[in-house]
Amino acid sequence: MRSAIGRHLVTSLVMLLGLLGVTLVLGFGYPLVVTGLSQLFFHQQANGFTNMFDLLIVIVLPFAIVLMFGRLIGRPRQGYAIVAVMAIIFVGHTVVSMQAELHGNHLLPASVSQVASGVNPGGNMEGKETRIGPEASALMTVGTMGTTAGATDSALDSYTPVGGTGAFVAILLGEISPGGDGGGLYSILVLALLAVFVAGLMVGRTPEFLGKKIRAT
């Protein structure tokens, strides 16, 4: 009896230490390494390319975790489907905001130039850097609003109404495009469970998800 209890305690301790290790790696080590490398090699967002690279290293792990989820449950296609939904939402709100910022604010007086030139990228440049431009600024700022990073390289309160809406849509959806390191996964799984539950009620069938029936136990 005592030996069984001892084994359970050892197993629980190992699991607790493993969870602590994963938390430290994902919550502290990964952001520290990513931030350090980006600042070491691409100091202060040198241009549009480094701006996109910074966004890439912010979203790559959340997407990878979803693919890992699909393999862990033995259903890789389920992971692909969730990634596709996340990607569609991500592309949707970023493209809308990028186009809104590129076309500028039509309420500004004619004396304010919003036309692209050798010294002005054009579009709504309020609160943005000329070396990055309105489109890349919207891509970085609005794109990271779909994660828990909250990184930005421009003033969000200076965006056009449509451009700012893209950022807030990502937040109000629960940051599922692609979300944080695992945060986007469990948030979109909750939405998937709700969707199949409502759909099951509408067609009169017991809702199922991942081969399991969703019902009271």
N, C-alpha and C. Protein backbone atom coordinates (compact mmCIF):
# COMPACT_ATOMS: atom_id res chain seq x y z
N MET A 1 0.83 -1.20 0.00
CA MET A 1 0.00 0.00 0.00
C MET A 1 0.87 1.26 0.00
N ARG A 2 1.86 1.27 0.89
CA ARG A 2 2.73 2.43 0.95
C ARG A 2 3.55 2.59 -0.32
N SER A 3 3.98 1.46 -0.89
CA SER A 3 4.77 1.54 -2.13
C SER A 3 3.93 2.10 -3.28
N ALA A 4 2.63 1.73 -3.32
CA ALA A 4 1.76 2.25 -4.38
C ALA A 4 1.56 3.75 -4.22
N ILE A 5 1.35 4.18 -2.97
CA ILE A 5 1.21 5.62 -2.72
C ILE A 5 2.49 6.35 -3.09
N GLY A 6 3.64 5.74 -2.76
CA GLY A 6 4.92 6.37 -3.09
C GLY A 6 5.10 6.52 -4.58
N ARG A 7 4.70 5.49 -5.36
CA ARG A 7 4.82 5.57 -6.82
C ARG A 7 3.92 6.66 -7.38
N HIS A 8 2.71 6.77 -6.83
CA HIS A 8 1.80 7.82 -7.29
C HIS A 8 2.35 9.21 -6.98
N LEU A 9 2.96 9.35 -5.81
CA LEU A 9 3.54 10.64 -5.45
C LEU A 9 4.70 10.99 -6.37
N VAL A 10 5.54 10.00 -6.67
CA VAL A 10 6.67 10.24 -7.58
C VAL A 10 6.16 10.61 -8.97
N THR A 11 5.14 9.88 -9.44
CA THR A 11 4.57 10.18 -10.76
C THR A 11 3.98 11.59 -10.80
N SER A 12 3.26 11.95 -9.74
CA SER A 12 2.67 13.30 -9.68
C SER A 12 3.75 14.37 -9.65
N LEU A 13 4.83 14.09 -8.91
CA LEU A 13 5.91 15.06 -8.84
C LEU A 13 6.60 15.24 -10.19
N VAL A 14 6.81 14.13 -10.88
CA VAL A 14 7.44 14.19 -12.22
C VAL A 14 6.55 14.97 -13.18
N MET A 15 5.24 14.71 -13.14
CA MET A 15 4.31 15.44 -14.02
C MET A 15 4.30 16.92 -13.69
N LEU A 16 4.35 17.25 -12.40
CA LEU A 16 4.35 18.65 -11.99
C LEU A 16 5.62 19.36 -12.46
N LEU A 17 6.76 18.69 -12.33
CA LEU A 17 8.02 19.26 -12.79
C LEU A 17 8.03 19.41 -14.31
N GLY A 18 7.45 18.41 -15.00
CA GLY A 18 7.37 18.52 -16.45
C GLY A 18 6.51 19.68 -16.89
N LEU A 19 5.36 19.86 -16.21
CA LEU A 19 4.48 21.00 -16.52
C LEU A 19 5.19 22.32 -16.25
N LEU A 20 5.93 22.37 -15.13
CA LEU A 20 6.68 23.58 -14.81
C LEU A 20 7.74 23.87 -15.87
N GLY A 21 8.41 22.81 -16.34
CA GLY A 21 9.42 22.99 -17.37
C GLY A 21 8.84 23.51 -18.67
N VAL A 22 7.71 22.91 -19.10
CA VAL A 22 7.05 23.37 -20.33
C VAL A 22 6.60 24.82 -20.20
N THR A 23 6.07 25.17 -19.02
CA THR A 23 5.61 26.54 -18.78
C THR A 23 6.78 27.52 -18.88
N LEU A 24 7.91 27.16 -18.30
CA LEU A 24 9.07 28.04 -18.35
C LEU A 24 9.60 28.19 -19.78
N VAL A 25 9.61 27.07 -20.52
CA VAL A 25 10.13 27.11 -21.89
C VAL A 25 9.24 27.95 -22.78
N LEU A 26 7.91 27.68 -22.75
CA LEU A 26 6.98 28.38 -23.64
C LEU A 26 6.66 29.80 -23.17
N GLY A 27 6.60 29.97 -21.85
CA GLY A 27 6.19 31.27 -21.34
C GLY A 27 7.33 32.24 -21.10
N PHE A 28 8.55 31.72 -20.93
CA PHE A 28 9.69 32.60 -20.62
C PHE A 28 10.84 32.43 -21.61
N GLY A 29 11.27 31.18 -21.79
CA GLY A 29 12.43 30.94 -22.64
C GLY A 29 12.21 31.29 -24.09
N TYR A 30 11.09 30.81 -24.67
CA TYR A 30 10.83 31.06 -26.09
C TYR A 30 10.69 32.55 -26.41
N PRO A 31 9.85 33.31 -25.67
CA PRO A 31 9.77 34.76 -25.96
C PRO A 31 11.11 35.47 -25.77
N LEU A 32 11.88 35.05 -24.75
CA LEU A 32 13.17 35.70 -24.50
C LEU A 32 14.13 35.46 -25.65
N VAL A 33 14.21 34.21 -26.12
CA VAL A 33 15.11 33.89 -27.22
C VAL A 33 14.69 34.59 -28.50
N VAL A 34 13.38 34.55 -28.80
CA VAL A 34 12.87 35.18 -30.01
C VAL A 34 13.12 36.68 -30.00
N THR A 35 12.81 37.32 -28.87
CA THR A 35 13.02 38.76 -28.77
C THR A 35 14.50 39.11 -28.86
N GLY A 36 15.33 38.32 -28.18
CA GLY A 36 16.77 38.58 -28.21
C GLY A 36 17.35 38.46 -29.60
N LEU A 37 16.98 37.39 -30.32
CA LEU A 37 17.51 37.19 -31.67
C LEU A 37 17.04 38.28 -32.62
N SER A 38 15.74 38.63 -32.53
CA SER A 38 15.22 39.64 -33.43
C SER A 38 15.87 40.99 -33.19
N GLN A 39 16.13 41.33 -31.93
CA GLN A 39 16.77 42.61 -31.63
C GLN A 39 18.25 42.59 -31.94
N LEU A 40 18.86 41.40 -31.87
CA LEU A 40 20.29 41.29 -32.16
C LEU A 40 20.57 41.45 -33.65
N PHE A 41 19.77 40.74 -34.48
CA PHE A 41 20.03 40.76 -35.91
C PHE A 41 19.23 41.81 -36.66
N PHE A 42 18.07 42.19 -36.14
CA PHE A 42 17.22 43.16 -36.82
C PHE A 42 16.87 44.27 -35.84
N HIS A 43 17.79 45.12 -35.57
CA HIS A 43 17.63 46.14 -34.54
C HIS A 43 16.61 47.19 -34.94
N GLN A 44 15.62 47.39 -34.11
CA GLN A 44 14.61 48.44 -34.26
C GLN A 44 13.88 48.41 -35.60
N GLN A 45 13.46 47.22 -36.00
CA GLN A 45 12.65 47.08 -37.21
C GLN A 45 13.25 47.86 -38.38
N ALA A 46 14.36 47.38 -38.90
CA ALA A 46 15.11 48.14 -39.91
C ALA A 46 14.31 48.41 -41.18
N ASN A 47 13.46 47.47 -41.61
CA ASN A 47 12.70 47.67 -42.84
C ASN A 47 11.47 46.78 -42.84
N GLY A 48 10.75 46.77 -43.97
CA GLY A 48 9.53 45.98 -44.06
C GLY A 48 9.77 44.49 -43.95
N PHE A 49 10.91 44.01 -44.48
CA PHE A 49 11.20 42.57 -44.40
C PHE A 49 11.36 42.11 -42.96
N THR A 50 12.12 42.85 -42.18
CA THR A 50 12.31 42.46 -40.78
C THR A 50 11.00 42.60 -40.00
N ASN A 51 10.15 43.51 -40.44
CA ASN A 51 8.84 43.66 -39.83
C ASN A 51 8.03 42.38 -40.01
N MET A 52 8.05 41.83 -41.23
CA MET A 52 7.33 40.59 -41.51
C MET A 52 7.99 39.41 -40.81
N PHE A 53 9.32 39.42 -40.71
CA PHE A 53 10.02 38.34 -40.03
C PHE A 53 9.65 38.31 -38.55
N ASP A 54 9.54 39.47 -37.96
CA ASP A 54 9.14 39.56 -36.56
C ASP A 54 7.74 38.99 -36.36
N LEU A 55 6.83 39.28 -37.28
CA LEU A 55 5.48 38.73 -37.20
C LEU A 55 5.50 37.21 -37.36
N LEU A 56 6.35 36.73 -38.26
CA LEU A 56 6.44 35.29 -38.51
C LEU A 56 6.83 34.52 -37.26
N ILE A 57 7.83 35.02 -36.54
CA ILE A 57 8.28 34.28 -35.36
C ILE A 57 7.30 34.41 -34.20
N VAL A 58 6.35 35.34 -34.32
CA VAL A 58 5.30 35.46 -33.30
C VAL A 58 4.21 34.41 -33.53
N ILE A 59 3.87 34.14 -34.80
CA ILE A 59 2.73 33.27 -35.10
C ILE A 59 3.11 31.84 -35.41
N VAL A 60 4.40 31.54 -35.63
CA VAL A 60 4.77 30.20 -36.09
C VAL A 60 4.49 29.14 -35.03
N LEU A 61 4.78 29.43 -33.76
CA LEU A 61 4.57 28.43 -32.71
C LEU A 61 3.09 28.15 -32.46
N PRO A 62 2.21 29.16 -32.39
CA PRO A 62 0.78 28.84 -32.23
C PRO A 62 0.22 27.95 -33.32
N PHE A 63 0.63 28.18 -34.59
CA PHE A 63 0.17 27.31 -35.67
C PHE A 63 0.75 25.91 -35.53
N ALA A 64 2.03 25.82 -35.12
CA ALA A 64 2.68 24.52 -34.98
C ALA A 64 2.01 23.69 -33.88
N ILE A 65 1.57 24.33 -32.80
CA ILE A 65 0.92 23.61 -31.70
C ILE A 65 -0.39 22.98 -32.17
N VAL A 66 -1.10 23.64 -33.06
CA VAL A 66 -2.34 23.08 -33.59
C VAL A 66 -2.05 21.82 -34.41
N LEU A 67 -1.01 21.87 -35.24
CA LEU A 67 -0.61 20.68 -36.01
C LEU A 67 -0.19 19.56 -35.08
N MET A 68 0.50 19.90 -34.00
CA MET A 68 0.90 18.89 -33.02
C MET A 68 -0.33 18.26 -32.38
N PHE A 69 -1.35 19.06 -32.10
CA PHE A 69 -2.60 18.55 -31.53
C PHE A 69 -3.22 17.50 -32.44
N GLY A 70 -3.23 17.77 -33.74
CA GLY A 70 -3.80 16.81 -34.68
C GLY A 70 -3.07 15.48 -34.67
N ARG A 71 -1.77 15.53 -34.53
CA ARG A 71 -0.99 14.28 -34.49
C ARG A 71 -1.14 13.55 -33.16
N LEU A 72 -1.27 14.31 -32.08
CA LEU A 72 -1.42 13.69 -30.76
C LEU A 72 -2.72 12.90 -30.65
N ILE A 73 -3.79 13.39 -31.27
CA ILE A 73 -5.08 12.70 -31.19
C ILE A 73 -5.23 11.69 -32.32
N GLY A 74 -4.19 11.55 -33.15
CA GLY A 74 -4.25 10.59 -34.24
C GLY A 74 -5.12 11.02 -35.40
N ARG A 75 -5.40 12.31 -35.50
CA ARG A 75 -6.22 12.85 -36.58
C ARG A 75 -5.55 14.09 -37.17
N PRO A 76 -4.50 13.89 -37.98
CA PRO A 76 -3.78 15.05 -38.55
C PRO A 76 -4.69 15.99 -39.35
N ARG A 77 -5.70 15.43 -40.01
CA ARG A 77 -6.59 16.27 -40.81
C ARG A 77 -7.38 17.24 -39.93
N GLN A 78 -7.65 16.83 -38.70
CA GLN A 78 -8.34 17.74 -37.79
C GLN A 78 -7.46 18.95 -37.50
N GLY A 79 -6.16 18.71 -37.32
CA GLY A 79 -5.22 19.81 -37.13
C GLY A 79 -5.15 20.71 -38.35
N TYR A 80 -5.14 20.10 -39.55
CA TYR A 80 -5.11 20.90 -40.78
C TYR A 80 -6.36 21.77 -40.89
N ALA A 81 -7.52 21.20 -40.53
CA ALA A 81 -8.78 21.95 -40.62
C ALA A 81 -8.77 23.16 -39.68
N ILE A 82 -8.27 22.96 -38.45
CA ILE A 82 -8.23 24.07 -37.49
C ILE A 82 -7.25 25.13 -37.95
N VAL A 83 -6.09 24.71 -38.48
CA VAL A 83 -5.11 25.66 -39.01
C VAL A 83 -5.72 26.46 -40.16
N ALA A 84 -6.48 25.77 -41.03
CA ALA A 84 -7.10 26.46 -42.16
C ALA A 84 -8.09 27.53 -41.69
N VAL A 85 -8.89 27.20 -40.67
CA VAL A 85 -9.84 28.18 -40.13
C VAL A 85 -9.10 29.37 -39.53
N MET A 86 -8.06 29.09 -38.74
CA MET A 86 -7.25 30.17 -38.15
C MET A 86 -6.64 31.05 -39.23
N ALA A 87 -6.10 30.41 -40.28
CA ALA A 87 -5.44 31.16 -41.35
C ALA A 87 -6.43 32.04 -42.11
N ILE A 88 -7.65 31.53 -42.36
CA ILE A 88 -8.65 32.32 -43.08
C ILE A 88 -9.04 33.55 -42.27
N ILE A 89 -9.25 33.36 -40.96
CA ILE A 89 -9.58 34.50 -40.10
C ILE A 89 -8.43 35.50 -40.07
N PHE A 90 -7.20 34.98 -39.94
CA PHE A 90 -6.01 35.84 -39.88
C PHE A 90 -5.87 36.67 -41.16
N VAL A 91 -5.96 36.00 -42.31
CA VAL A 91 -5.81 36.70 -43.59
C VAL A 91 -6.95 37.70 -43.76
N GLY A 92 -8.16 37.32 -43.36
CA GLY A 92 -9.31 38.20 -43.54
C GLY A 92 -9.16 39.53 -42.83
N HIS A 93 -8.89 39.51 -41.52
CA HIS A 93 -8.86 40.79 -40.81
C HIS A 93 -7.58 41.59 -41.08
N THR A 94 -6.49 40.90 -41.45
CA THR A 94 -5.27 41.66 -41.77
C THR A 94 -5.37 42.32 -43.15
N VAL A 95 -5.89 41.61 -44.13
CA VAL A 95 -5.99 42.17 -45.49
C VAL A 95 -6.95 43.37 -45.49
N VAL A 96 -8.08 43.25 -44.79
CA VAL A 96 -9.04 44.37 -44.73
C VAL A 96 -8.38 45.60 -44.11
N SER A 97 -7.65 45.41 -43.02
CA SER A 97 -7.00 46.54 -42.35
C SER A 97 -5.87 47.11 -43.19
N MET A 98 -5.12 46.26 -43.86
CA MET A 98 -4.03 46.74 -44.72
C MET A 98 -4.57 47.61 -45.85
N GLN A 99 -5.66 47.16 -46.48
CA GLN A 99 -6.23 47.94 -47.57
C GLN A 99 -6.82 49.26 -47.07
N ALA A 100 -7.42 49.23 -45.89
CA ALA A 100 -8.00 50.45 -45.33
C ALA A 100 -6.92 51.48 -45.04
N GLU A 101 -5.79 51.02 -44.49
CA GLU A 101 -4.70 51.95 -44.19
C GLU A 101 -4.02 52.43 -45.47
N LEU A 102 -3.92 51.58 -46.46
CA LEU A 102 -3.28 51.97 -47.72
C LEU A 102 -4.08 53.05 -48.44
N HIS A 103 -5.41 52.98 -48.39
CA HIS A 103 -6.24 53.96 -49.09
C HIS A 103 -6.38 55.26 -48.30
N GLY A 104 -5.95 55.27 -47.04
CA GLY A 104 -5.91 56.51 -46.29
C GLY A 104 -7.24 56.94 -45.73
N ASN A 105 -7.21 58.12 -45.14
CA ASN A 105 -8.39 58.71 -44.51
C ASN A 105 -8.94 59.81 -45.41
N HIS A 106 -10.10 59.59 -46.01
CA HIS A 106 -10.66 60.54 -46.97
C HIS A 106 -11.26 61.78 -46.29
N LEU A 107 -11.32 61.78 -44.98
CA LEU A 107 -11.84 62.95 -44.27
C LEU A 107 -10.77 64.00 -44.03
N LEU A 108 -9.51 63.66 -44.29
CA LEU A 108 -8.43 64.63 -44.12
C LEU A 108 -8.50 65.68 -45.23
N PRO A 109 -8.06 66.89 -44.95
CA PRO A 109 -8.10 67.95 -45.98
C PRO A 109 -7.15 67.64 -47.13
N ALA A 110 -7.39 68.29 -48.25
CA ALA A 110 -6.59 68.05 -49.45
C ALA A 110 -5.14 68.45 -49.26
N SER A 111 -4.88 69.32 -48.29
CA SER A 111 -3.50 69.75 -48.05
C SER A 111 -2.64 68.63 -47.45
N VAL A 112 -3.27 67.61 -46.92
CA VAL A 112 -2.54 66.46 -46.36
C VAL A 112 -2.33 65.44 -47.47
N SER A 113 -1.10 65.25 -47.87
CA SER A 113 -0.80 64.35 -48.98
C SER A 113 -0.84 62.89 -48.51
N GLN A 114 -1.66 62.10 -49.19
CA GLN A 114 -1.73 60.66 -48.93
C GLN A 114 -1.36 59.86 -50.17
N VAL A 115 -0.68 60.53 -51.09
CA VAL A 115 -0.24 59.90 -52.34
C VAL A 115 1.19 59.43 -52.18
N ALA A 116 1.48 58.25 -52.68
CA ALA A 116 2.83 57.70 -52.58
C ALA A 116 3.82 58.53 -53.38
N SER A 117 4.98 58.77 -52.77
CA SER A 117 6.05 59.53 -53.44
C SER A 117 7.39 59.01 -52.96
N GLY A 118 8.46 59.69 -53.35
CA GLY A 118 9.78 59.25 -52.96
C GLY A 118 10.04 59.35 -51.48
N VAL A 119 9.35 60.23 -50.80
CA VAL A 119 9.57 60.43 -49.36
C VAL A 119 8.35 60.03 -48.53
N ASN A 120 7.26 59.66 -49.19
CA ASN A 120 6.04 59.31 -48.48
C ASN A 120 5.47 58.02 -49.05
N PRO A 121 5.31 56.97 -48.23
CA PRO A 121 4.76 55.71 -48.74
C PRO A 121 3.31 55.81 -49.17
N GLY A 122 2.62 56.89 -48.77
CA GLY A 122 1.22 57.06 -49.13
C GLY A 122 0.30 56.40 -48.12
N GLY A 123 -1.00 56.68 -48.26
CA GLY A 123 -1.97 56.10 -47.35
C GLY A 123 -2.03 56.84 -46.02
N ASN A 124 -2.62 56.21 -45.05
CA ASN A 124 -2.76 56.80 -43.72
C ASN A 124 -1.46 56.60 -42.95
N MET A 125 -0.63 57.64 -42.91
CA MET A 125 0.69 57.54 -42.28
C MET A 125 0.69 58.09 -40.86
N GLU A 126 -0.46 58.50 -40.35
CA GLU A 126 -0.49 59.02 -38.98
C GLU A 126 -0.15 57.89 -37.99
N GLY A 127 0.83 58.14 -37.14
CA GLY A 127 1.22 57.16 -36.14
C GLY A 127 2.05 56.02 -36.68
N LYS A 128 2.61 56.17 -37.88
CA LYS A 128 3.39 55.09 -38.50
C LYS A 128 4.75 55.61 -38.94
N GLU A 129 5.68 54.69 -39.19
CA GLU A 129 7.03 55.05 -39.63
C GLU A 129 7.11 54.95 -41.14
N THR A 130 7.80 55.91 -41.76
CA THR A 130 7.90 55.92 -43.22
C THR A 130 8.72 54.75 -43.74
N ARG A 131 9.65 54.24 -42.94
CA ARG A 131 10.47 53.13 -43.42
C ARG A 131 9.71 51.81 -43.46
N ILE A 132 8.53 51.76 -42.83
CA ILE A 132 7.72 50.55 -42.83
C ILE A 132 6.49 50.71 -43.71
N GLY A 133 5.82 51.85 -43.62
CA GLY A 133 4.66 52.12 -44.46
C GLY A 133 3.37 51.64 -43.83
N PRO A 134 2.22 52.05 -44.41
CA PRO A 134 0.92 51.73 -43.81
C PRO A 134 0.55 50.25 -43.90
N GLU A 135 0.86 49.60 -45.03
CA GLU A 135 0.46 48.20 -45.19
C GLU A 135 1.22 47.29 -44.23
N ALA A 136 2.55 47.41 -44.20
CA ALA A 136 3.35 46.56 -43.32
C ALA A 136 3.06 46.86 -41.85
N SER A 137 2.78 48.12 -41.54
CA SER A 137 2.43 48.48 -40.17
C SER A 137 1.13 47.81 -39.75
N ALA A 138 0.13 47.84 -40.65
CA ALA A 138 -1.15 47.19 -40.35
C ALA A 138 -0.98 45.68 -40.24
N LEU A 139 -0.14 45.11 -41.10
CA LEU A 139 0.09 43.66 -41.05
C LEU A 139 0.66 43.24 -39.70
N MET A 140 1.65 44.00 -39.21
CA MET A 140 2.28 43.67 -37.94
C MET A 140 1.34 43.91 -36.77
N THR A 141 0.76 45.09 -36.72
CA THR A 141 -0.08 45.45 -35.57
C THR A 141 -1.36 44.64 -35.52
N VAL A 142 -2.10 44.60 -36.62
CA VAL A 142 -3.37 43.88 -36.64
C VAL A 142 -3.14 42.38 -36.60
N GLY A 143 -2.07 41.91 -37.25
CA GLY A 143 -1.76 40.48 -37.23
C GLY A 143 -1.48 39.97 -35.84
N THR A 144 -0.72 40.72 -35.05
CA THR A 144 -0.39 40.27 -33.70
C THR A 144 -1.56 40.44 -32.74
N MET A 145 -2.59 41.19 -33.13
CA MET A 145 -3.76 41.27 -32.27
C MET A 145 -4.51 39.94 -32.23
N GLY A 146 -4.25 39.08 -33.20
CA GLY A 146 -4.84 37.75 -33.20
C GLY A 146 -4.07 36.78 -32.32
N THR A 147 -3.01 37.23 -31.70
CA THR A 147 -2.24 36.44 -30.76
C THR A 147 -2.31 37.12 -29.39
N THR A 148 -1.63 36.55 -28.43
CA THR A 148 -1.57 37.19 -27.12
C THR A 148 -0.31 38.05 -26.99
N ALA A 149 0.40 38.25 -28.10
CA ALA A 149 1.65 39.02 -28.06
C ALA A 149 1.38 40.51 -27.84
N GLY A 150 0.42 41.04 -28.62
CA GLY A 150 0.11 42.46 -28.51
C GLY A 150 1.22 43.35 -29.04
N ALA A 151 2.14 42.79 -29.84
CA ALA A 151 3.24 43.57 -30.39
C ALA A 151 2.70 44.58 -31.40
N THR A 152 3.33 45.73 -31.48
CA THR A 152 2.89 46.76 -32.42
C THR A 152 4.07 47.63 -32.83
N ASP A 153 3.98 48.18 -34.02
CA ASP A 153 5.00 49.12 -34.48
C ASP A 153 4.38 50.41 -34.96
N SER A 154 3.11 50.63 -34.60
CA SER A 154 2.42 51.86 -34.97
C SER A 154 1.33 52.15 -33.94
N ALA A 155 0.80 53.36 -33.97
CA ALA A 155 -0.20 53.78 -33.00
C ALA A 155 -1.58 53.30 -33.42
N LEU A 156 -2.14 52.40 -32.67
CA LEU A 156 -3.42 51.80 -33.03
C LEU A 156 -4.56 52.81 -33.03
N ASP A 157 -4.49 53.81 -32.15
CA ASP A 157 -5.57 54.80 -32.10
C ASP A 157 -5.52 55.77 -33.27
N SER A 158 -4.48 55.67 -34.11
CA SER A 158 -4.40 56.52 -35.30
C SER A 158 -4.88 55.81 -36.56
N TYR A 159 -5.35 54.59 -36.43
CA TYR A 159 -5.82 53.84 -37.59
C TYR A 159 -7.18 54.38 -38.05
N THR A 160 -7.51 54.09 -39.28
CA THR A 160 -8.84 54.43 -39.79
C THR A 160 -9.88 53.56 -39.09
N PRO A 161 -11.15 53.93 -39.12
CA PRO A 161 -12.17 53.11 -38.46
C PRO A 161 -12.18 51.66 -38.93
N VAL A 162 -12.06 51.44 -40.23
CA VAL A 162 -12.06 50.07 -40.75
C VAL A 162 -10.76 49.36 -40.38
N GLY A 163 -9.64 50.07 -40.46
CA GLY A 163 -8.36 49.46 -40.09
C GLY A 163 -8.31 49.06 -38.63
N GLY A 164 -8.83 49.91 -37.76
CA GLY A 164 -8.85 49.58 -36.34
C GLY A 164 -9.82 48.46 -36.02
N THR A 165 -10.91 48.37 -36.81
CA THR A 165 -11.89 47.31 -36.59
C THR A 165 -11.26 45.94 -36.79
N GLY A 166 -10.36 45.83 -37.77
CA GLY A 166 -9.70 44.55 -38.00
C GLY A 166 -8.96 44.05 -36.77
N ALA A 167 -8.32 44.98 -36.06
CA ALA A 167 -7.59 44.60 -34.85
C ALA A 167 -8.54 44.17 -33.74
N PHE A 168 -9.61 44.92 -33.56
CA PHE A 168 -10.54 44.61 -32.48
C PHE A 168 -11.37 43.36 -32.76
N VAL A 169 -11.61 43.07 -34.03
CA VAL A 169 -12.30 41.82 -34.37
C VAL A 169 -11.47 40.63 -33.92
N ALA A 170 -10.15 40.70 -34.15
CA ALA A 170 -9.27 39.61 -33.73
C ALA A 170 -9.30 39.43 -32.22
N ILE A 171 -9.36 40.53 -31.48
CA ILE A 171 -9.40 40.45 -30.02
C ILE A 171 -10.75 39.91 -29.54
N LEU A 172 -11.84 40.42 -30.12
CA LEU A 172 -13.18 40.04 -29.67
C LEU A 172 -13.52 38.60 -30.01
N LEU A 173 -12.86 38.04 -31.01
CA LEU A 173 -13.07 36.63 -31.33
C LEU A 173 -12.39 35.71 -30.32
N GLY A 174 -11.64 36.29 -29.40
CA GLY A 174 -10.94 35.49 -28.39
C GLY A 174 -9.52 35.16 -28.76
N GLU A 175 -8.95 35.93 -29.70
CA GLU A 175 -7.56 35.73 -30.14
C GLU A 175 -7.34 34.28 -30.56
N ILE A 176 -8.05 33.90 -31.62
CA ILE A 176 -7.95 32.53 -32.14
C ILE A 176 -7.26 32.49 -33.49
N SER A 177 -6.65 33.60 -33.90
CA SER A 177 -6.05 33.63 -35.24
C SER A 177 -4.60 34.12 -35.21
N PRO A 178 -3.65 33.31 -34.78
CA PRO A 178 -3.79 31.94 -34.28
C PRO A 178 -3.82 31.85 -32.75
N GLY A 179 -3.86 32.96 -32.05
CA GLY A 179 -3.86 32.93 -30.59
C GLY A 179 -2.46 32.83 -30.02
N GLY A 180 -2.38 32.63 -28.72
CA GLY A 180 -1.08 32.48 -28.07
C GLY A 180 -0.55 31.08 -28.22
N ASP A 181 0.48 30.75 -27.46
CA ASP A 181 1.10 29.43 -27.54
C ASP A 181 0.20 28.40 -26.86
N GLY A 182 -0.79 27.92 -27.59
CA GLY A 182 -1.77 26.99 -27.05
C GLY A 182 -3.08 27.65 -26.69
N GLY A 183 -3.05 28.96 -26.42
CA GLY A 183 -4.27 29.66 -26.07
C GLY A 183 -5.27 29.71 -27.21
N GLY A 184 -4.79 29.91 -28.42
CA GLY A 184 -5.67 29.92 -29.57
C GLY A 184 -6.29 28.56 -29.82
N LEU A 185 -5.52 27.49 -29.54
CA LEU A 185 -6.02 26.14 -29.76
C LEU A 185 -7.21 25.83 -28.88
N TYR A 186 -7.07 26.03 -27.56
CA TYR A 186 -8.20 25.67 -26.71
C TYR A 186 -9.38 26.61 -26.90
N SER A 187 -9.13 27.86 -27.30
CA SER A 187 -10.25 28.78 -27.55
C SER A 187 -11.05 28.35 -28.77
N ILE A 188 -10.35 27.96 -29.83
CA ILE A 188 -11.08 27.57 -31.04
C ILE A 188 -11.73 26.20 -30.87
N LEU A 189 -11.17 25.36 -29.99
CA LEU A 189 -11.82 24.08 -29.70
C LEU A 189 -13.14 24.30 -28.96
N VAL A 190 -13.18 25.29 -28.07
CA VAL A 190 -14.43 25.62 -27.39
C VAL A 190 -15.47 26.07 -28.41
N LEU A 191 -15.06 26.91 -29.37
CA LEU A 191 -15.99 27.35 -30.41
C LEU A 191 -16.45 26.18 -31.28
N ALA A 192 -15.53 25.23 -31.55
CA ALA A 192 -15.90 24.06 -32.34
C ALA A 192 -16.92 23.20 -31.60
N LEU A 193 -16.72 23.03 -30.29
CA LEU A 193 -17.68 22.26 -29.49
C LEU A 193 -19.06 22.92 -29.49
N LEU A 194 -19.08 24.23 -29.34
CA LEU A 194 -20.35 24.95 -29.37
C LEU A 194 -21.02 24.82 -30.74
N ALA A 195 -20.21 24.89 -31.80
CA ALA A 195 -20.76 24.81 -33.16
C ALA A 195 -21.39 23.45 -33.43
N VAL A 196 -20.68 22.37 -33.08
CA VAL A 196 -21.24 21.04 -33.34
C VAL A 196 -22.43 20.76 -32.43
N PHE A 197 -22.43 21.35 -31.23
CA PHE A 197 -23.57 21.16 -30.33
C PHE A 197 -24.82 21.82 -30.89
N VAL A 198 -24.67 23.06 -31.34
CA VAL A 198 -25.82 23.78 -31.91
C VAL A 198 -26.28 23.11 -33.20
N ALA A 199 -25.32 22.70 -34.04
CA ALA A 199 -25.68 22.03 -35.29
C ALA A 199 -26.39 20.72 -35.03
N GLY A 200 -25.95 19.99 -34.00
CA GLY A 200 -26.62 18.74 -33.66
C GLY A 200 -28.05 18.96 -33.21
N LEU A 201 -28.27 20.02 -32.45
CA LEU A 201 -29.64 20.33 -32.02
C LEU A 201 -30.52 20.72 -33.21
N MET A 202 -29.93 21.40 -34.18
CA MET A 202 -30.71 21.86 -35.33
C MET A 202 -31.16 20.71 -36.22
N VAL A 203 -30.34 19.67 -36.34
CA VAL A 203 -30.68 18.55 -37.22
C VAL A 203 -31.27 17.37 -36.44
N GLY A 204 -31.35 17.51 -35.12
CA GLY A 204 -31.97 16.46 -34.32
C GLY A 204 -31.09 15.26 -34.07
N ARG A 205 -29.78 15.43 -34.10
CA ARG A 205 -28.86 14.32 -33.83
C ARG A 205 -27.99 14.64 -32.63
N THR A 206 -27.49 13.59 -31.98
CA THR A 206 -26.57 13.79 -30.87
C THR A 206 -25.27 14.36 -31.41
N PRO A 207 -24.85 15.53 -30.98
CA PRO A 207 -23.62 16.14 -31.52
C PRO A 207 -22.39 15.31 -31.19
N GLU A 208 -21.46 15.26 -32.14
CA GLU A 208 -20.22 14.53 -31.96
C GLU A 208 -19.05 15.40 -32.35
N PHE A 209 -17.93 15.18 -31.67
CA PHE A 209 -16.69 15.87 -32.02
C PHE A 209 -15.53 14.93 -31.74
N LEU A 210 -14.68 14.74 -32.73
CA LEU A 210 -13.55 13.81 -32.65
C LEU A 210 -14.00 12.40 -32.31
N GLY A 211 -15.17 12.03 -32.83
CA GLY A 211 -15.68 10.68 -32.59
C GLY A 211 -16.32 10.46 -31.25
N LYS A 212 -16.46 11.51 -30.44
CA LYS A 212 -17.06 11.40 -29.12
C LYS A 212 -18.40 12.15 -29.10
N LYS A 213 -19.39 11.53 -28.49
CA LYS A 213 -20.69 12.17 -28.38
C LYS A 213 -20.65 13.24 -27.28
N ILE A 214 -21.25 14.39 -27.57
CA ILE A 214 -21.31 15.49 -26.61
C ILE A 214 -22.67 15.44 -25.93
N ARG A 215 -22.70 14.98 -24.71
CA ARG A 215 -23.96 14.86 -23.98
C ARG A 215 -23.67 14.87 -22.50
N ALA A 216 -24.73 14.95 -21.71
CA ALA A 216 -24.60 14.97 -20.24
C ALA A 216 -24.11 13.61 -19.76
N THR A 217 -23.23 13.62 -18.77
CA THR A 217 -22.71 12.37 -18.23
C THR A 217 -23.49 11.96 -16.98
